[in-house]
Amino acid sequence: RSNEEIRSLLPDGYTPSADVDTTTTTDAGCLMVDGSCFTTDPNNFFGTNSDWNLCVEAAGQSAVKQHGKRCLEMGRDLMITSIGALTDDAFYEDLSATAEANGSRLILCTGSM
C-alpha cells in the first residue's frame, strides 16, 4: 500500500513521525508505524511478539466475546468499554477466572459521552 493509503487508516489527527515503510512488517504480518502494530486481522494482532501489555476494546460486545479471553490468556490486560457484554454472568466469571489464572487484569470502563 502507498503511504497515502496507510495514512487513511490511522486515527484522525495522528501523524507518523516519518513516512510509513510499507515493506516493514513484524513476523506476524503487522504493519509497524511508530512502534505500533496496525492490522485488520485478529490473528496478526494476537500473533505479534511485541511487548504490548494492554488491549483496549472499542469494537463492541461481539468483539469482547470473540477476542477477550484470548487476550487475557496471553497474560495481557484487557480494558473493556463495551461492558454490556458482561451481562452474561457465566461469561464474566470465565473472563475473571482467565485473568486471574494468567496474571492479567480485566479493566472495566463505564460511562458514555
PDB file of N, CA and C in Angstrom:
ATOM      1  N   ARG A   1       0.829  -1.190   0.000  1.00  0.00           N
ATOM      2  CA  ARG A   1       0.000   0.000   0.000  1.00  0.00           C
ATOM      3  C   ARG A   1       0.867   1.244   0.000  1.00  0.00           C
ATOM      4  N   SER A   2       0.297   2.286  -0.494  1.00  0.00           N
ATOM      5  CA  SER A   2       1.036   3.546  -0.520  1.00  0.00           C
ATOM      6  C   SER A   2       0.955   4.226   0.846  1.00  0.00           C
ATOM      7  N   ASN A   3       1.837   5.211   1.055  1.00  0.00           N
ATOM      8  CA  ASN A   3       1.793   5.983   2.305  1.00  0.00           C
ATOM      9  C   ASN A   3       0.436   6.639   2.486  1.00  0.00           C
ATOM     10  N   GLU A   4      -0.152   7.112   1.397  1.00  0.00           N
ATOM     11  CA  GLU A   4      -1.463   7.768   1.490  1.00  0.00           C
ATOM     12  C   GLU A   4      -2.533   6.783   1.953  1.00  0.00           C
ATOM     13  N   GLU A   5      -2.502   5.564   1.419  1.00  0.00           N
ATOM     14  CA  GLU A   5      -3.480   4.556   1.835  1.00  0.00           C
ATOM     15  C   GLU A   5      -3.313   4.209   3.312  1.00  0.00           C
ATOM     16  N   ILE A   6      -2.070   4.049   3.737  1.00  0.00           N
ATOM     17  CA  ILE A   6      -1.814   3.709   5.138  1.00  0.00           C
ATOM     18  C   ILE A   6      -2.245   4.852   6.037  1.00  0.00           C
ATOM     19  N   ARG A   7      -1.900   6.074   5.670  1.00  0.00           N
ATOM     20  CA  ARG A   7      -2.296   7.232   6.489  1.00  0.00           C
ATOM     21  C   ARG A   7      -3.807   7.322   6.630  1.00  0.00           C
ATOM     22  N   SER A   8      -4.550   6.899   5.605  1.00  0.00           N
ATOM     23  CA  SER A   8      -6.016   6.966   5.681  1.00  0.00           C
ATOM     24  C   SER A   8      -6.572   6.002   6.720  1.00  0.00           C
ATOM     25  N   LEU A   9      -5.805   5.003   7.113  1.00  0.00           N
ATOM     26  CA  LEU A   9      -6.242   4.032   8.115  1.00  0.00           C
ATOM     27  C   LEU A   9      -5.940   4.480   9.543  1.00  0.00           C
ATOM     28  N   LEU A  10      -5.077   5.485   9.677  1.00  0.00           N
ATOM     29  CA  LEU A  10      -4.672   5.955  11.001  1.00  0.00           C
ATOM     30  C   LEU A  10      -5.744   6.865  11.595  1.00  0.00           C
ATOM     31  N   PRO A  11      -5.778   6.975  12.920  1.00  0.00           N
ATOM     32  CA  PRO A  11      -6.769   7.851  13.564  1.00  0.00           C
ATOM     33  C   PRO A  11      -6.650   9.301  13.098  1.00  0.00           C
ATOM     34  N   ASP A  12      -7.777  10.005  13.071  1.00  0.00           N
ATOM     35  CA  ASP A  12      -7.787  11.416  12.697  1.00  0.00           C
ATOM     36  C   ASP A  12      -6.814  12.194  13.569  1.00  0.00           C
ATOM     37  N   GLY A  13      -6.035  13.060  12.948  1.00  0.00           N
ATOM     38  CA  GLY A  13      -5.108  13.895  13.689  1.00  0.00           C
ATOM     39  C   GLY A  13      -3.779  13.235  13.988  1.00  0.00           C
ATOM     40  N   TYR A  14      -3.637  11.926  13.733  1.00  0.00           N
ATOM     41  CA  TYR A  14      -2.383  11.231  14.010  1.00  0.00           C
ATOM     42  C   TYR A  14      -1.447  11.387  12.825  1.00  0.00           C
ATOM     43  N   THR A  15      -0.241  11.797  13.096  1.00  0.00           N
ATOM     44  CA  THR A  15       0.757  11.944  12.056  1.00  0.00           C
ATOM     45  C   THR A  15       1.973  11.120  12.449  1.00  0.00           C
ATOM     46  N   PRO A  16       2.324  10.117  11.635  1.00  0.00           N
ATOM     47  CA  PRO A  16       3.528   9.334  11.945  1.00  0.00           C
ATOM     48  C   PRO A  16       4.759  10.222  11.972  1.00  0.00           C
ATOM     49  N   SER A  17       5.764   9.819  12.719  1.00  0.00           N
ATOM     50  CA  SER A  17       6.975  10.621  12.835  1.00  0.00           C
ATOM     51  C   SER A  17       7.783  10.624  11.535  1.00  0.00           C
ATOM     52  N   ALA A  18       7.501   9.669  10.666  1.00  0.00           N
ATOM     53  CA  ALA A  18       8.189   9.603   9.371  1.00  0.00           C
ATOM     54  C   ALA A  18       7.248   8.917   8.390  1.00  0.00           C
ATOM     55  N   ASP A  19       7.646   8.877   7.124  1.00  0.00           N
ATOM     56  CA  ASP A  19       6.836   8.148   6.165  1.00  0.00           C
ATOM     57  C   ASP A  19       6.723   6.691   6.604  1.00  0.00           C
ATOM     58  N   VAL A  20       5.584   6.124   6.350  1.00  0.00           N
ATOM     59  CA  VAL A  20       5.347   4.730   6.707  1.00  0.00           C
ATOM     60  C   VAL A  20       6.089   3.843   5.723  1.00  0.00           C
ATOM     61  N   ASP A  21       6.858   2.915   6.260  1.00  0.00           N
ATOM     62  CA  ASP A  21       7.562   1.965   5.415  1.00  0.00           C
ATOM     63  C   ASP A  21       6.632   0.781   5.199  1.00  0.00           C
ATOM     64  N   THR A  22       6.010   0.711   4.038  1.00  0.00           N
ATOM     65  CA  THR A  22       5.019  -0.331   3.784  1.00  0.00           C
ATOM     66  C   THR A  22       5.653  -1.701   3.591  1.00  0.00           C
ATOM     67  N   THR A  23       6.965  -1.765   3.598  1.00  0.00           N
ATOM     68  CA  THR A  23       7.621  -3.060   3.462  1.00  0.00           C
ATOM     69  C   THR A  23       8.017  -3.631   4.817  1.00  0.00           C
ATOM     70  N   THR A  24       7.876  -2.868   5.893  1.00  0.00           N
ATOM     71  CA  THR A  24       8.289  -3.322   7.216  1.00  0.00           C
ATOM     72  C   THR A  24       7.109  -3.926   7.948  1.00  0.00           C
ATOM     73  N   THR A  25       7.161  -5.215   8.137  1.00  0.00           N
ATOM     74  CA  THR A  25       6.122  -5.907   8.895  1.00  0.00           C
ATOM     75  C   THR A  25       6.775  -6.763   9.954  1.00  0.00           C
ATOM     76  N   THR A  26       6.004  -7.093  10.979  1.00  0.00           N
ATOM     77  CA  THR A  26       6.519  -7.986  12.007  1.00  0.00           C
ATOM     78  C   THR A  26       6.422  -9.411  11.506  1.00  0.00           C
ATOM     79  N   ASP A  27       6.929 -10.337  12.303  1.00  0.00           N
ATOM     80  CA  ASP A  27       6.821 -11.744  11.938  1.00  0.00           C
ATOM     81  C   ASP A  27       5.361 -12.191  11.870  1.00  0.00           C
ATOM     82  N   ALA A  28       4.458 -11.443  12.500  1.00  0.00           N
ATOM     83  CA  ALA A  28       3.040 -11.795  12.484  1.00  0.00           C
ATOM     84  C   ALA A  28       2.274 -11.074  11.386  1.00  0.00           C
ATOM     85  N   GLY A  29       2.949 -10.254  10.594  1.00  0.00           N
ATOM     86  CA  GLY A  29       2.282  -9.586   9.485  1.00  0.00           C
ATOM     87  C   GLY A  29       1.687  -8.233   9.814  1.00  0.00           C
ATOM     88  N   CYS A  30       2.048  -7.654  10.948  1.00  0.00           N
ATOM     89  CA  CYS A  30       1.569  -6.318  11.299  1.00  0.00           C
ATOM     90  C   CYS A  30       2.393  -5.271  10.566  1.00  0.00           C
ATOM     91  N   LEU A  31       1.742  -4.234  10.106  1.00  0.00           N
ATOM     92  CA  LEU A  31       2.451  -3.085   9.560  1.00  0.00           C
ATOM     93  C   LEU A  31       2.866  -2.225  10.739  1.00  0.00           C
ATOM     94  N   MET A  32       4.142  -1.948  10.873  1.00  0.00           N
ATOM     95  CA  MET A  32       4.642  -1.200  12.010  1.00  0.00           C
ATOM     96  C   MET A  32       4.722   0.287  11.675  1.00  0.00           C
ATOM     97  N   VAL A  33       4.079   1.108  12.502  1.00  0.00           N
ATOM     98  CA  VAL A  33       4.099   2.555  12.372  1.00  0.00           C
ATOM     99  C   VAL A  33       4.425   3.126  13.748  1.00  0.00           C
ATOM    100  N   ASP A  34       5.553   3.784  13.856  1.00  0.00           N
ATOM    101  CA  ASP A  34       5.987   4.357  15.138  1.00  0.00           C
ATOM    102  C   ASP A  34       5.914   3.350  16.280  1.00  0.00           C
ATOM    103  N   GLY A  35       6.287   2.127  16.016  1.00  0.00           N
ATOM    104  CA  GLY A  35       6.329   1.097  17.046  1.00  0.00           C
ATOM    105  C   GLY A  35       4.992   0.452  17.360  1.00  0.00           C
ATOM    106  N   SER A  36       3.950   0.800  16.618  1.00  0.00           N
ATOM    107  CA  SER A  36       2.630   0.229  16.851  1.00  0.00           C
ATOM    108  C   SER A  36       2.251  -0.680  15.695  1.00  0.00           C
ATOM    109  N   CYS A  37       1.566  -1.763  16.021  1.00  0.00           N
ATOM    110  CA  CYS A  37       1.128  -2.736  15.024  1.00  0.00           C
ATOM    111  C   CYS A  37      -0.238  -2.334  14.486  1.00  0.00           C
ATOM    112  N   PHE A  38      -0.341  -2.177  13.171  1.00  0.00           N
ATOM    113  CA  PHE A  38      -1.620  -1.895  12.526  1.00  0.00           C
ATOM    114  C   PHE A  38      -1.993  -3.090  11.663  1.00  0.00           C
ATOM    115  N   THR A  39      -3.155  -3.646  11.928  1.00  0.00           N
ATOM    116  CA  THR A  39      -3.637  -4.779  11.155  1.00  0.00           C
ATOM    117  C   THR A  39      -5.146  -4.880  11.310  1.00  0.00           C
ATOM    118  N   THR A  40      -5.783  -5.486  10.343  1.00  0.00           N
ATOM    119  CA  THR A  40      -7.218  -5.754  10.456  1.00  0.00           C
ATOM    120  C   THR A  40      -7.463  -7.237  10.717  1.00  0.00           C
ATOM    121  N   ASP A  41      -6.405  -8.006  10.869  1.00  0.00           N
ATOM    122  CA  ASP A  41      -6.505  -9.447  11.088  1.00  0.00           C
ATOM    123  C   ASP A  41      -6.234  -9.775  12.552  1.00  0.00           C
ATOM    124  N   PRO A  42      -7.233 -10.291  13.278  1.00  0.00           N
ATOM    125  CA  PRO A  42      -7.031 -10.616  14.693  1.00  0.00           C
ATOM    126  C   PRO A  42      -5.870 -11.582  14.930  1.00  0.00           C
ATOM    127  N   ASN A  43      -5.660 -12.525  14.021  1.00  0.00           N
ATOM    128  CA  ASN A  43      -4.549 -13.464  14.206  1.00  0.00           C
ATOM    129  C   ASN A  43      -3.209 -12.753  14.108  1.00  0.00           C
ATOM    130  N   ASN A  44      -3.105 -11.760  13.232  1.00  0.00           N
ATOM    131  CA  ASN A  44      -1.876 -10.959  13.166  1.00  0.00           C
ATOM    132  C   ASN A  44      -1.705 -10.164  14.457  1.00  0.00           C
ATOM    133  N   PHE A  45      -2.795  -9.565  14.923  1.00  0.00           N
ATOM    134  CA  PHE A  45      -2.739  -8.759  16.147  1.00  0.00           C
ATOM    135  C   PHE A  45      -2.269  -9.597  17.334  1.00  0.00           C
ATOM    136  N   PHE A  46      -2.902 -10.731  17.547  1.00  0.00           N
ATOM    137  CA  PHE A  46      -2.542 -11.563  18.693  1.00  0.00           C
ATOM    138  C   PHE A  46      -1.251 -12.338  18.472  1.00  0.00           C
ATOM    139  N   GLY A  47      -0.819 -12.476  17.218  1.00  0.00           N
ATOM    140  CA  GLY A  47       0.384 -13.232  16.922  1.00  0.00           C
ATOM    141  C   GLY A  47       1.666 -12.436  17.018  1.00  0.00           C
ATOM    142  N   THR A  48       1.566 -11.143  17.191  1.00  0.00           N
ATOM    143  CA  THR A  48       2.772 -10.325  17.249  1.00  0.00           C
ATOM    144  C   THR A  48       3.569 -10.634  18.517  1.00  0.00           C
ATOM    145  N   ASN A  49       4.868 -10.575  18.394  1.00  0.00           N
ATOM    146  CA  ASN A  49       5.750 -10.815  19.544  1.00  0.00           C
ATOM    147  C   ASN A  49       6.160  -9.526  20.230  1.00  0.00           C
ATOM    148  N   SER A  50       5.443  -8.442  19.970  1.00  0.00           N
ATOM    149  CA  SER A  50       5.811  -7.166  20.574  1.00  0.00           C
ATOM    150  C   SER A  50       5.526  -7.182  22.074  1.00  0.00           C
ATOM    151  N   ASP A  51       5.960  -6.142  22.737  1.00  0.00           N
ATOM    152  CA  ASP A  51       5.835  -6.075  24.189  1.00  0.00           C
ATOM    153  C   ASP A  51       4.558  -5.405  24.663  1.00  0.00           C
ATOM    154  N   TRP A  52       3.515  -5.358  23.847  1.00  0.00           N
ATOM    155  CA  TRP A  52       2.288  -4.709  24.288  1.00  0.00           C
ATOM    156  C   TRP A  52       1.724  -5.464  25.481  1.00  0.00           C
ATOM    157  N   ASN A  53       1.124  -4.703  26.389  1.00  0.00           N
ATOM    158  CA  ASN A  53       0.596  -5.339  27.596  1.00  0.00           C
ATOM    159  C   ASN A  53      -0.837  -4.938  27.894  1.00  0.00           C
ATOM    160  N   LEU A  54      -1.426  -4.081  27.085  1.00  0.00           N
ATOM    161  CA  LEU A  54      -2.797  -3.638  27.305  1.00  0.00           C
ATOM    162  C   LEU A  54      -3.540  -3.614  25.984  1.00  0.00           C
ATOM    163  N   CYS A  55      -4.687  -4.258  25.968  1.00  0.00           N
ATOM    164  CA  CYS A  55      -5.572  -4.216  24.810  1.00  0.00           C
ATOM    165  C   CYS A  55      -6.802  -3.416  25.223  1.00  0.00           C
ATOM    166  N   VAL A  56      -7.111  -2.367  24.479  1.00  0.00           N
ATOM    167  CA  VAL A  56      -8.288  -1.549  24.754  1.00  0.00           C
ATOM    168  C   VAL A  56      -9.359  -1.921  23.730  1.00  0.00           C
ATOM    169  N   GLU A  57     -10.425  -2.522  24.213  1.00  0.00           N
ATOM    170  CA  GLU A  57     -11.525  -2.908  23.324  1.00  0.00           C
ATOM    171  C   GLU A  57     -12.407  -1.700  23.079  1.00  0.00           C
ATOM    172  N   ALA A  58     -12.669  -1.411  21.829  1.00  0.00           N
ATOM    173  CA  ALA A  58     -13.580  -0.332  21.440  1.00  0.00           C
ATOM    174  C   ALA A  58     -14.343  -0.754  20.200  1.00  0.00           C
ATOM    175  N   ALA A  59     -14.662  -2.038  20.131  1.00  0.00           N
ATOM    176  CA  ALA A  59     -15.240  -2.593  18.906  1.00  0.00           C
ATOM    177  C   ALA A  59     -16.607  -3.224  19.119  1.00  0.00           C
ATOM    178  N   GLY A  60     -17.161  -3.126  20.303  1.00  0.00           N
ATOM    179  CA  GLY A  60     -18.495  -3.674  20.540  1.00  0.00           C
ATOM    180  C   GLY A  60     -18.489  -4.986  21.303  1.00  0.00           C
ATOM    181  N   GLN A  61     -19.667  -5.341  21.769  1.00  0.00           N
ATOM    182  CA  GLN A  61     -19.822  -6.521  22.615  1.00  0.00           C
ATOM    183  C   GLN A  61     -19.376  -7.807  21.931  1.00  0.00           C
ATOM    184  N   SER A  62     -19.625  -7.930  20.639  1.00  0.00           N
ATOM    185  CA  SER A  62     -19.230  -9.160  19.941  1.00  0.00           C
ATOM    186  C   SER A  62     -17.712  -9.332  19.944  1.00  0.00           C
ATOM    187  N   ALA A  63     -16.981  -8.221  19.871  1.00  0.00           N
ATOM    188  CA  ALA A  63     -15.516  -8.303  19.905  1.00  0.00           C
ATOM    189  C   ALA A  63     -15.030  -8.788  21.265  1.00  0.00           C
ATOM    190  N   VAL A  64     -15.694  -8.344  22.328  1.00  0.00           N
ATOM    191  CA  VAL A  64     -15.331  -8.808  23.676  1.00  0.00           C
ATOM    192  C   VAL A  64     -15.519 -10.316  23.750  1.00  0.00           C
ATOM    193  N   LYS A  65     -16.655 -10.785  23.279  1.00  0.00           N
ATOM    194  CA  LYS A  65     -16.961 -12.223  23.345  1.00  0.00           C
ATOM    195  C   LYS A  65     -16.055 -13.037  22.434  1.00  0.00           C
ATOM    196  N   GLN A  66     -15.685 -12.464  21.308  1.00  0.00           N
ATOM    197  CA  GLN A  66     -14.870 -13.194  20.342  1.00  0.00           C
ATOM    198  C   GLN A  66     -13.385 -13.207  20.700  1.00  0.00           C
ATOM    199  N   HIS A  67     -12.867 -12.110  21.293  1.00  0.00           N
ATOM    200  CA  HIS A  67     -11.415 -11.988  21.464  1.00  0.00           C
ATOM    201  C   HIS A  67     -10.938 -11.735  22.889  1.00  0.00           C
ATOM    202  N   GLY A  68     -11.844 -11.425  23.808  1.00  0.00           N
ATOM    203  CA  GLY A  68     -11.436 -11.053  25.156  1.00  0.00           C
ATOM    204  C   GLY A  68     -10.638 -12.113  25.885  1.00  0.00           C
ATOM    205  N   LYS A  69     -11.117 -13.328  25.855  1.00  0.00           N
ATOM    206  CA  LYS A  69     -10.435 -14.399  26.585  1.00  0.00           C
ATOM    207  C   LYS A  69      -9.037 -14.654  26.024  1.00  0.00           C
ATOM    208  N   ARG A  70      -8.902 -14.597  24.712  1.00  0.00           N
ATOM    209  CA  ARG A  70      -7.598 -14.824  24.082  1.00  0.00           C
ATOM    210  C   ARG A  70      -6.562 -13.820  24.575  1.00  0.00           C
ATOM    211  N   CYS A  71      -6.971 -12.578  24.693  1.00  0.00           N
ATOM    212  CA  CYS A  71      -6.077 -11.533  25.181  1.00  0.00           C
ATOM    213  C   CYS A  71      -5.616 -11.850  26.610  1.00  0.00           C
ATOM    214  N   LEU A  72      -6.564 -12.194  27.463  1.00  0.00           N
ATOM    215  CA  LEU A  72      -6.251 -12.490  28.865  1.00  0.00           C
ATOM    216  C   LEU A  72      -5.395 -13.749  28.999  1.00  0.00           C
ATOM    217  N   GLU A  73      -5.635 -14.735  28.152  1.00  0.00           N
ATOM    218  CA  GLU A  73      -4.832 -15.962  28.187  1.00  0.00           C
ATOM    219  C   GLU A  73      -3.370 -15.694  27.858  1.00  0.00           C
ATOM    220  N   MET A  74      -3.110 -14.629  27.124  1.00  0.00           N
ATOM    221  CA  MET A  74      -1.742 -14.256  26.766  1.00  0.00           C
ATOM    222  C   MET A  74      -1.037 -13.497  27.888  1.00  0.00           C
ATOM    223  N   GLY A  75      -1.754 -13.248  28.985  1.00  0.00           N
ATOM    224  CA  GLY A  75      -1.161 -12.505  30.091  1.00  0.00           C
ATOM    225  C   GLY A  75      -1.213 -11.008  29.884  1.00  0.00           C
ATOM    226  N   ARG A  76      -2.033 -10.552  28.938  1.00  0.00           N
ATOM    227  CA  ARG A  76      -2.172  -9.127  28.654  1.00  0.00           C
ATOM    228  C   ARG A  76      -3.409  -8.596  29.357  1.00  0.00           C
ATOM    229  N   ASP A  77      -3.361  -7.360  29.801  1.00  0.00           N
ATOM    230  CA  ASP A  77      -4.523  -6.715  30.418  1.00  0.00           C
ATOM    231  C   ASP A  77      -5.536  -6.378  29.329  1.00  0.00           C
ATOM    232  N   LEU A  78      -6.810  -6.402  29.711  1.00  0.00           N
ATOM    233  CA  LEU A  78      -7.888  -6.104  28.767  1.00  0.00           C
ATOM    234  C   LEU A  78      -8.787  -5.034  29.362  1.00  0.00           C
ATOM    235  N   MET A  79      -8.867  -3.895  28.678  1.00  0.00           N
ATOM    236  CA  MET A  79      -9.767  -2.821  29.077  1.00  0.00           C
ATOM    237  C   MET A  79     -11.010  -2.915  28.192  1.00  0.00           C
ATOM    238  N   ILE A  80     -12.155  -3.105  28.824  1.00  0.00           N
ATOM    239  CA  ILE A  80     -13.400  -3.279  28.091  1.00  0.00           C
ATOM    240  C   ILE A  80     -14.245  -2.022  28.198  1.00  0.00           C
ATOM    241  N   THR A  81     -14.610  -1.481  27.037  1.00  0.00           N
ATOM    242  CA  THR A  81     -15.513  -0.331  27.020  1.00  0.00           C
ATOM    243  C   THR A  81     -16.950  -0.770  26.760  1.00  0.00           C
ATOM    244  N   SER A  82     -17.124  -1.907  26.127  1.00  0.00           N
ATOM    245  CA  SER A  82     -18.465  -2.432  25.826  1.00  0.00           C
ATOM    246  C   SER A  82     -18.883  -3.396  26.926  1.00  0.00           C
ATOM    247  N   ILE A  83     -19.075  -2.854  28.133  1.00  0.00           N
ATOM    248  CA  ILE A  83     -19.292  -3.721  29.284  1.00  0.00           C
ATOM    249  C   ILE A  83     -20.636  -4.431  29.268  1.00  0.00           C
ATOM    250  N   GLY A  84     -21.517  -4.062  28.343  1.00  0.00           N
ATOM    251  CA  GLY A  84     -22.769  -4.796  28.193  1.00  0.00           C
ATOM    252  C   GLY A  84     -22.537  -6.266  27.875  1.00  0.00           C
ATOM    253  N   ALA A  85     -21.368  -6.584  27.317  1.00  0.00           N
ATOM    254  CA  ALA A  85     -21.025  -7.972  27.022  1.00  0.00           C
ATOM    255  C   ALA A  85     -20.934  -8.805  28.291  1.00  0.00           C
ATOM    256  N   LEU A  86     -20.758  -8.134  29.415  1.00  0.00           N
ATOM    257  CA  LEU A  86     -20.563  -8.847  30.681  1.00  0.00           C
ATOM    258  C   LEU A  86     -21.865  -9.078  31.437  1.00  0.00           C
ATOM    259  N   THR A  87     -23.009  -8.804  30.803  1.00  0.00           N
ATOM    260  CA  THR A  87     -24.285  -9.092  31.460  1.00  0.00           C
ATOM    261  C   THR A  87     -24.531 -10.589  31.532  1.00  0.00           C
ATOM    262  N   ASP A  88     -23.794 -11.351  30.773  1.00  0.00           N
ATOM    263  CA  ASP A  88     -23.819 -12.814  30.845  1.00  0.00           C
ATOM    264  C   ASP A  88     -22.888 -13.212  31.993  1.00  0.00           C
ATOM    265  N   ASP A  89     -23.486 -13.594  33.128  1.00  0.00           N
ATOM    266  CA  ASP A  89     -22.696 -13.879  34.329  1.00  0.00           C
ATOM    267  C   ASP A  89     -21.641 -14.955  34.103  1.00  0.00           C
ATOM    268  N   ALA A  90     -21.983 -15.993  33.360  1.00  0.00           N
ATOM    269  CA  ALA A  90     -21.026 -17.081  33.124  1.00  0.00           C
ATOM    270  C   ALA A  90     -19.834 -16.575  32.316  1.00  0.00           C
ATOM    271  N   PHE A  91     -20.095 -15.727  31.329  1.00  0.00           N
ATOM    272  CA  PHE A  91     -19.013 -15.163  30.520  1.00  0.00           C
ATOM    273  C   PHE A  91     -18.118 -14.275  31.365  1.00  0.00           C
ATOM    274  N   TYR A  92     -18.718 -13.433  32.203  1.00  0.00           N
ATOM    275  CA  TYR A  92     -17.937 -12.560  33.082  1.00  0.00           C
ATOM    276  C   TYR A  92     -17.062 -13.390  34.026  1.00  0.00           C
ATOM    277  N   GLU A  93     -17.640 -14.427  34.620  1.00  0.00           N
ATOM    278  CA  GLU A  93     -16.869 -15.281  35.530  1.00  0.00           C
ATOM    279  C   GLU A  93     -15.722 -15.973  34.806  1.00  0.00           C
ATOM    280  N   ASP A  94     -15.960 -16.387  33.566  1.00  0.00           N
ATOM    281  CA  ASP A  94     -14.915 -17.030  32.774  1.00  0.00           C
ATOM    282  C   ASP A  94     -13.772 -16.055  32.496  1.00  0.00           C
ATOM    283  N   LEU A  95     -14.113 -14.829  32.101  1.00  0.00           N
ATOM    284  CA  LEU A  95     -13.064 -13.830  31.861  1.00  0.00           C
ATOM    285  C   LEU A  95     -12.292 -13.512  33.138  1.00  0.00           C
ATOM    286  N   SER A  96     -13.010 -13.368  34.239  1.00  0.00           N
ATOM    287  CA  SER A  96     -12.356 -13.065  35.521  1.00  0.00           C
ATOM    288  C   SER A  96     -11.402 -14.177  35.924  1.00  0.00           C
ATOM    289  N   ALA A  97     -11.845 -15.417  35.791  1.00  0.00           N
ATOM    290  CA  ALA A  97     -11.002 -16.562  36.145  1.00  0.00           C
ATOM    291  C   ALA A  97      -9.788 -16.651  35.217  1.00  0.00           C
ATOM    292  N   THR A  98      -9.989 -16.368  33.938  1.00  0.00           N
ATOM    293  CA  THR A  98      -8.883 -16.396  32.974  1.00  0.00           C
ATOM    294  C   THR A  98      -7.855 -15.323  33.308  1.00  0.00           C
ATOM    295  N   ALA A  99      -8.328 -14.131  33.651  1.00  0.00           N
ATOM    296  CA  ALA A  99      -7.412 -13.050  34.025  1.00  0.00           C
ATOM    297  C   ALA A  99      -6.598 -13.449  35.247  1.00  0.00           C
ATOM    298  N   GLU A 100      -7.261 -13.959  36.262  1.00  0.00           N
ATOM    299  CA  GLU A 100      -6.557 -14.340  37.493  1.00  0.00           C
ATOM    300  C   GLU A 100      -5.541 -15.453  37.232  1.00  0.00           C
ATOM    301  N   ALA A 101      -5.917 -16.427  36.419  1.00  0.00           N
ATOM    302  CA  ALA A 101      -5.032 -17.561  36.145  1.00  0.00           C
ATOM    303  C   ALA A 101      -3.791 -17.163  35.348  1.00  0.00           C
ATOM    304  N   ASN A 102      -3.872 -16.064  34.622  1.00  0.00           N
ATOM    305  CA  ASN A 102      -2.769 -15.658  33.749  1.00  0.00           C
ATOM    306  C   ASN A 102      -2.076 -14.376  34.178  1.00  0.00           C
ATOM    307  N   GLY A 103      -2.397 -13.883  35.366  1.00  0.00           N
ATOM    308  CA  GLY A 103      -1.758 -12.668  35.860  1.00  0.00           C
ATOM    309  C   GLY A 103      -2.163 -11.427  35.087  1.00  0.00           C
ATOM    310  N   SER A 104      -3.344 -11.460  34.492  1.00  0.00           N
ATOM    311  CA  SER A 104      -3.859 -10.330  33.720  1.00  0.00           C
ATOM    312  C   SER A 104      -4.854  -9.547  34.547  1.00  0.00           C
ATOM    313  N   ARG A 105      -5.172  -8.360  34.058  1.00  0.00           N
ATOM    314  CA  ARG A 105      -6.216  -7.552  34.696  1.00  0.00           C
ATOM    315  C   ARG A 105      -7.356  -7.348  33.715  1.00  0.00           C
ATOM    316  N   LEU A 106      -8.559  -7.439  34.223  1.00  0.00           N
ATOM    317  CA  LEU A 106      -9.760  -7.125  33.476  1.00  0.00           C
ATOM    318  C   LEU A 106     -10.194  -5.746  33.949  1.00  0.00           C
ATOM    319  N   ILE A 107     -10.089  -4.751  33.079  1.00  0.00           N
ATOM    320  CA  ILE A 107     -10.361  -3.358  33.437  1.00  0.00           C
ATOM    321  C   ILE A 107     -11.664  -2.944  32.772  1.00  0.00           C
ATOM    322  N   LEU A 108     -12.623  -2.506  33.584  1.00  0.00           N
ATOM    323  CA  LEU A 108     -13.942  -2.157  33.069  1.00  0.00           C
ATOM    324  C   LEU A 108     -14.119  -0.645  33.074  1.00  0.00           C
ATOM    325  N   CYS A 109     -14.438  -0.094  31.916  1.00  0.00           N
ATOM    326  CA  CYS A 109     -14.692   1.340  31.776  1.00  0.00           C
ATOM    327  C   CYS A 109     -16.195   1.546  31.677  1.00  0.00           C
ATOM    328  N   THR A 110     -16.709   2.437  32.481  1.00  0.00           N
ATOM    329  CA  THR A 110     -18.134   2.716  32.424  1.00  0.00           C
ATOM    330  C   THR A 110     -18.354   4.173  32.058  1.00  0.00           C
ATOM    331  N   GLY A 111     -19.568   4.449  31.603  1.00  0.00           N
ATOM    332  CA  GLY A 111     -19.903   5.825  31.264  1.00  0.00           C
ATOM    333  C   GLY A 111     -20.084   5.983  29.776  1.00  0.00           C
ATOM    334  N   SER A 112     -20.544   7.164  29.409  1.00  0.00           N
ATOM    335  CA  SER A 112     -20.731   7.445  27.993  1.00  0.00           C
ATOM    336  C   SER A 112     -20.497   8.923  27.750  1.00  0.00           C
ATOM    337  N   MET A 113     -20.403   9.277  26.499  1.00  0.00           N
ATOM    338  CA  MET A 113     -20.202  10.675  26.129  1.00  0.00           C
ATOM    339  C   MET A 113     -21.336  11.102  25.226  1.00  0.00           C
TER     340      MET A 113
END
